Amino acid sequence: MNRKILSFYLRQALGIPDVPGLTTALQLILPNPGWTIVQIGAHAGDTPNDPLFCRLGPHRGPETKPGKLLLVEPLADHFKQLCLNYKGTPGVVFEQAAVAEHSGSTTIFTVPPNLTPSEGEYYWLDQLSSLKSERMESLWEKQMGTNECAKVQQFYLENRIEEKVPCLSFSDLLEKHQIERIDLLQIDVEGYEFEILRQWNPKSLPVRFLHYESDLLFEKENLLRGWLHDHGFSTVTIGADTFAWCNDDREFVNRWRPGRRRAYRSLARLLGSRGGHSRSL
């Protein structure tokens, strides 16, 4: 099973409401008008492991005040479904593009829409689209490595296609949508997170909370965590994801209760966690 989806079901079994710290972060962000949240790699929105849809979709509660949610997704079929799933939701802005190191167009590696393998449990294969060809090659082998996963890899590679999609650099994306600060930056782009985050200058673009998939970064994750630490962030990595918050955000630290942190440590022991850091990107 996909590790992100496994993490979702384990959190449910342990009674943990969401990914580390994210529920608390949203509880602090959403009651305040004028918030800004950016999700890069939004897919179709309403999937079991999407961390935002249940709180920010069309059925959001009255405690959520007006704000701006920028949803970024490059693939046309996913983008169409994303727009339908968020239809009528106030404050939502859509961008059909990949976020790359340049603006223009780029190649994304994916599978055809509605591809259904004979093994029906692999319904999540269309969530593995990436700008990196090695996502389902060397990165997959480093991440998974079992015989069963090799079977999934073979099926994927036999059906993989290349698709040209529009792309924007991170700075061009922010300029286009007139974003000068971000309350929560959510990134899930199947191994391309490092290339996006190294474009970010925390001094010119304040970000209060950051949540990104780190499972495919390997040695780059240590480098990225160290860079975040040097820029005044604390981080926790559990399973496939890393969550970061500003060290001086006492409101968050005080709300994120020690009991909840203990529960996350239990989850970390089940899913595995990583640490260590270097000093520059």
Protein backbone atom coordinates (compact mmCIF):
# COMPACT_ATOMS: atom_id res chain seq x y z
CA MET A 1 0.00 0.00 0.00
CA ASN A 2 1.15 3.56 -0.71
CA ARG A 3 2.95 4.87 2.39
CA LYS A 4 0.96 8.13 2.51
CA ILE A 5 -2.32 6.19 2.54
CA LEU A 6 -0.95 3.75 5.13
CA SER A 7 -0.07 6.75 7.30
CA PHE A 8 -3.65 8.05 6.95
CA TYR A 9 -5.20 4.79 8.18
CA LEU A 10 -2.71 4.42 11.03
CA ARG A 11 -3.56 7.92 12.24
CA GLN A 12 -7.22 6.93 12.27
CA ALA A 13 -6.48 3.75 14.22
CA LEU A 14 -4.40 5.66 16.79
CA GLY A 15 -7.00 8.41 17.13
CA ILE A 16 -4.66 11.05 15.72
CA PRO A 17 -6.77 13.60 13.82
CA ASP A 18 -4.32 14.60 11.10
CA VAL A 19 -0.70 14.84 10.02
CA PRO A 20 1.69 16.17 12.67
CA GLY A 21 0.71 19.66 13.78
CA LEU A 22 -1.44 20.40 10.75
CA THR A 23 -4.77 20.26 12.59
CA THR A 24 -3.46 22.68 15.21
CA ALA A 25 -2.03 24.95 12.52
CA LEU A 26 -5.37 25.10 10.70
CA GLN A 27 -7.19 25.77 13.97
CA LEU A 28 -4.98 28.82 14.39
CA ILE A 29 -5.14 29.99 10.77
CA LEU A 30 -8.73 29.59 9.66
CA PRO A 31 -10.62 31.66 12.30
CA ASN A 32 -8.68 34.75 11.20
CA PRO A 33 -9.89 36.56 8.05
CA GLY A 34 -7.36 37.11 5.30
CA TRP A 35 -5.41 33.87 5.59
CA THR A 36 -3.46 32.50 2.61
CA ILE A 37 -2.85 28.79 1.97
CA VAL A 38 -1.01 27.40 -1.07
CA GLN A 39 -1.20 23.74 -2.09
CA ILE A 40 1.26 22.63 -4.78
CA GLY A 41 0.37 19.22 -6.17
CA ALA A 42 -3.33 19.35 -5.29
CA HIS A 43 -4.29 16.37 -7.51
CA ALA A 44 -8.11 16.05 -7.49
CA GLY A 45 -8.53 17.40 -3.96
CA ASP A 46 -10.94 14.85 -2.52
CA THR A 47 -8.66 11.85 -1.93
CA PRO A 48 -8.19 9.81 1.29
CA ASN A 49 -4.73 11.24 1.96
CA ASP A 50 -5.33 14.89 0.99
CA PRO A 51 -4.53 16.92 4.13
CA LEU A 52 -6.67 19.97 3.32
CA PHE A 53 -9.88 19.07 1.50
CA CYS A 54 -11.94 18.06 4.54
CA ARG A 55 -11.24 21.43 6.22
CA LEU A 56 -11.16 23.72 3.18
CA GLY A 57 -13.56 22.08 0.71
CA PRO A 58 -17.18 23.10 0.07
CA HIS A 59 -18.35 21.66 3.40
CA ARG A 60 -16.01 23.77 5.54
CA GLY A 61 -17.45 24.86 8.88
CA PRO A 62 -18.58 28.32 9.96
CA GLU A 63 -15.41 28.79 12.01
CA THR A 64 -13.47 29.20 8.74
CA LYS A 65 -13.30 32.90 7.93
CA PRO A 66 -12.70 34.31 4.42
CA GLY A 67 -9.25 33.71 3.00
CA LYS A 68 -7.37 32.63 -0.12
CA LEU A 69 -6.67 29.02 -1.08
CA LEU A 70 -4.44 28.61 -4.15
CA LEU A 71 -4.61 25.10 -5.61
CA VAL A 72 -1.91 24.14 -8.13
CA GLU A 73 -2.20 21.03 -10.32
CA PRO A 74 -0.65 20.46 -13.78
CA LEU A 75 -2.54 17.46 -15.23
CA ALA A 76 -5.71 18.34 -17.13
CA ASP A 77 -7.88 15.44 -15.89
CA HIS A 78 -6.89 15.95 -12.26
CA PHE A 79 -7.31 19.70 -12.60
CA LYS A 80 -10.83 19.32 -14.02
CA GLN A 81 -11.84 17.07 -11.11
CA LEU A 82 -10.16 19.43 -8.64
CA CYS A 83 -12.28 22.33 -9.91
CA LEU A 84 -15.44 20.21 -9.65
CA ASN A 85 -14.63 19.05 -6.12
CA TYR A 86 -14.08 22.62 -4.90
CA LYS A 87 -16.93 24.11 -6.97
CA GLY A 88 -18.70 26.90 -5.13
CA THR A 89 -16.10 27.13 -2.37
CA PRO A 90 -15.35 30.79 -1.58
CA GLY A 91 -11.81 32.11 -1.84
CA VAL A 92 -10.44 29.25 -3.95
CA VAL A 93 -8.11 30.08 -6.83
CA PHE A 94 -6.93 27.46 -9.33
CA GLU A 95 -3.70 27.28 -11.33
CA GLN A 96 -3.22 24.54 -13.93
CA ALA A 97 0.57 24.29 -13.94
CA ALA A 98 3.51 22.47 -12.52
CA VAL A 99 5.89 24.41 -10.29
CA ALA A 100 9.36 24.00 -11.78
CA GLU A 101 12.68 25.84 -11.80
CA HIS A 102 11.60 27.85 -14.83
CA SER A 103 8.39 29.15 -16.41
CA GLY A 104 7.07 27.88 -19.73
CA SER A 105 6.46 24.18 -20.27
CA THR A 106 7.91 20.96 -18.93
CA THR A 107 7.46 17.18 -19.11
CA ILE A 108 5.60 15.26 -16.45
CA PHE A 109 5.77 11.47 -16.10
CA THR A 110 2.39 9.91 -15.36
CA VAL A 111 -0.05 7.15 -16.35
CA PRO A 112 -3.07 7.47 -18.66
CA PRO A 113 -6.29 8.78 -17.07
CA ASN A 114 -8.50 6.13 -15.47
CA LEU A 115 -5.86 3.41 -15.80
CA THR A 116 -7.03 0.52 -13.63
CA PRO A 117 -4.58 -2.33 -12.98
CA SER A 118 -5.87 -5.86 -12.56
CA GLU A 119 -4.76 -5.50 -8.93
CA GLY A 120 -7.55 -3.13 -7.89
CA GLU A 121 -5.86 -2.06 -4.66
CA TYR A 122 -3.39 0.01 -6.68
CA TYR A 123 -5.98 2.72 -7.25
CA TRP A 124 -3.46 5.33 -6.08
CA LEU A 125 -1.08 4.96 -9.04
CA ASP A 126 -2.30 8.19 -10.63
CA GLN A 127 -1.06 10.04 -7.52
CA LEU A 128 2.56 9.23 -8.42
CA SER A 129 2.95 11.68 -11.32
CA SER A 130 6.24 13.55 -11.16
CA LEU A 131 8.58 15.87 -13.03
CA LYS A 132 11.30 13.34 -12.19
CA SER A 133 11.56 10.30 -14.46
CA GLU A 134 13.42 8.50 -11.66
CA ARG A 135 10.39 8.78 -9.35
CA MET A 136 9.26 5.28 -10.42
CA GLU A 137 12.77 4.04 -11.17
CA SER A 138 15.69 4.56 -8.76
CA LEU A 139 13.70 6.57 -6.21
CA TRP A 140 10.99 3.91 -6.07
CA GLU A 141 13.58 1.19 -5.56
CA LYS A 142 15.24 3.11 -2.72
CA GLN A 143 11.86 3.80 -1.13
CA MET A 144 10.13 0.41 -1.45
CA GLY A 145 12.25 -2.48 -2.69
CA THR A 146 9.99 -5.51 -1.97
CA ASN A 147 8.92 -8.05 -4.59
CA GLU A 148 5.32 -6.90 -4.37
CA CYS A 149 6.35 -3.30 -4.91
CA ALA A 150 8.51 -4.38 -7.86
CA LYS A 151 5.31 -5.73 -9.40
CA VAL A 152 3.65 -2.33 -8.99
CA GLN A 153 6.71 -0.62 -10.43
CA GLN A 154 6.71 -2.86 -13.50
CA PHE A 155 3.01 -2.22 -14.14
CA TYR A 156 3.52 1.52 -13.80
CA LEU A 157 6.53 1.68 -16.09
CA GLU A 158 4.81 -0.45 -18.75
CA ASN A 159 1.98 2.09 -18.83
CA ARG A 160 3.89 5.32 -18.15
CA ILE A 161 3.47 8.22 -20.54
CA GLU A 162 5.14 11.61 -20.89
CA GLU A 163 2.95 14.68 -21.06
CA LYS A 164 3.84 18.30 -21.78
CA VAL A 165 2.33 20.66 -19.20
CA PRO A 166 2.59 24.39 -18.47
CA CYS A 167 4.91 25.34 -15.63
CA LEU A 168 5.74 28.33 -13.47
CA SER A 169 8.71 29.03 -11.25
CA PHE A 170 7.83 29.44 -7.58
CA SER A 171 8.46 33.20 -7.71
CA ASP A 172 6.37 33.61 -10.89
CA LEU A 173 3.51 31.66 -9.29
CA LEU A 174 3.52 33.98 -6.27
CA GLU A 175 3.78 37.09 -8.41
CA LYS A 176 0.92 35.99 -10.67
CA HIS A 177 -1.38 35.50 -7.69
CA GLN A 178 -0.08 38.50 -5.74
CA ILE A 179 1.00 36.47 -2.74
CA GLU A 180 3.35 38.21 -0.30
CA ARG A 181 2.97 35.92 2.70
CA ILE A 182 1.72 32.35 3.28
CA ASP A 183 0.11 30.93 6.40
CA LEU A 184 0.46 27.33 5.21
CA LEU A 185 2.50 26.01 2.27
CA GLN A 186 1.57 22.42 1.38
CA ILE A 187 3.74 20.58 -1.19
CA ASP A 188 3.36 17.03 -2.51
CA VAL A 189 5.08 16.66 -5.89
CA GLU A 190 6.60 13.16 -5.77
CA GLY A 191 10.28 13.91 -5.29
CA TYR A 192 10.46 17.46 -6.68
CA GLU A 193 9.93 19.19 -3.31
CA PHE A 194 13.61 20.13 -2.89
CA GLU A 195 13.73 21.90 -6.27
CA ILE A 196 10.71 23.99 -5.29
CA LEU A 197 11.75 24.83 -1.75
CA ARG A 198 15.25 25.93 -2.68
CA GLN A 199 13.60 28.74 -4.69
CA TRP A 200 12.01 30.10 -1.50
CA ASN A 201 13.63 32.97 0.38
CA PRO A 202 12.15 33.00 3.92
CA LYS A 203 13.35 36.59 4.42
CA SER A 204 11.28 37.95 1.53
CA LEU A 205 8.33 35.53 1.77
CA PRO A 206 7.13 34.83 5.31
CA VAL A 207 5.67 31.32 5.70
CA ARG A 208 4.15 30.41 9.05
CA PHE A 209 3.72 26.65 8.49
CA LEU A 210 5.19 24.28 5.92
CA HIS A 211 4.11 20.71 5.21
CA TYR A 212 5.78 18.69 2.46
CA GLU A 213 6.32 15.09 1.38
CA SER A 214 9.90 14.16 2.25
CA ASP A 215 9.87 10.40 1.70
CA LEU A 216 11.60 10.63 -1.69
CA LEU A 217 14.24 13.24 -0.83
CA PHE A 218 16.66 10.92 1.00
CA GLU A 219 19.98 12.76 1.61
CA LYS A 220 18.44 16.02 0.39
CA GLU A 221 15.99 15.85 3.28
CA ASN A 222 18.79 16.22 5.82
CA LEU A 223 20.06 19.23 3.89
CA LEU A 224 16.58 20.75 3.69
CA ARG A 225 15.82 20.21 7.37
CA GLY A 226 19.11 21.80 8.35
CA TRP A 227 18.38 24.79 6.11
CA LEU A 228 14.95 25.17 7.73
CA HIS A 229 16.51 24.98 11.21
CA ASP A 230 19.01 27.67 10.26
CA HIS A 231 16.12 29.90 9.16
CA GLY A 232 14.31 29.64 12.47
CA PHE A 233 12.02 26.63 11.93
CA SER A 234 11.48 23.50 13.95
CA THR A 235 10.63 20.31 12.08
CA VAL A 236 9.11 16.90 12.69
CA THR A 237 9.28 14.09 10.13
CA ILE A 238 6.87 11.17 10.46
CA GLY A 239 6.43 8.55 7.79
CA ALA A 240 6.30 10.22 4.38
CA ASP A 241 5.96 13.85 5.49
CA THR A 242 7.74 16.70 7.23
CA PHE A 243 5.97 19.51 9.08
CA ALA A 244 7.76 22.78 9.97
CA TRP A 245 6.81 25.77 12.10
CA CYS A 246 8.52 28.98 13.23
CA ASN A 247 10.43 28.62 16.48
CA ASP A 248 8.97 31.85 17.86
CA ASP A 249 5.35 30.83 17.19
CA ARG A 250 4.42 30.41 20.83
CA GLU A 251 0.71 30.33 20.03
CA PHE A 252 1.24 27.17 18.01
CA VAL A 253 3.61 25.51 20.50
CA ASN A 254 1.25 26.16 23.39
CA ARG A 255 -1.72 24.76 21.47
CA TRP A 256 0.08 21.66 20.22
CA ARG A 257 -0.33 19.77 23.48
CA PRO A 258 2.38 17.41 24.82
CA GLY A 259 -0.12 14.54 24.80
CA ARG A 260 -0.65 14.95 21.10
CA ARG A 261 3.11 15.06 20.55
CA ARG A 262 3.40 11.73 22.40
CA ALA A 263 0.76 10.26 20.07
CA TYR A 264 2.75 11.42 17.06
CA ARG A 265 5.88 9.83 18.49
CA SER A 266 3.94 6.54 18.65
CA LEU A 267 3.03 6.97 14.99
CA ALA A 268 6.67 7.78 14.18
CA ARG A 269 7.79 4.48 15.70
CA LEU A 270 5.35 2.63 13.44
CA LEU A 271 6.16 4.54 10.23
CA GLY A 272 9.78 5.45 10.84
CA SER A 273 11.28 8.92 11.15
CA ARG A 274 14.43 10.71 10.05
CA GLY A 275 16.61 13.40 11.54
CA GLY A 276 19.89 15.20 11.14
CA HIS A 277 20.72 18.27 9.11
CA SER A 278 23.30 20.23 7.19
CA ARG A 279 23.61 24.00 6.76
CA SER A 280 22.87 25.31 3.26
CA LEU A 281 20.91 24.47 0.12
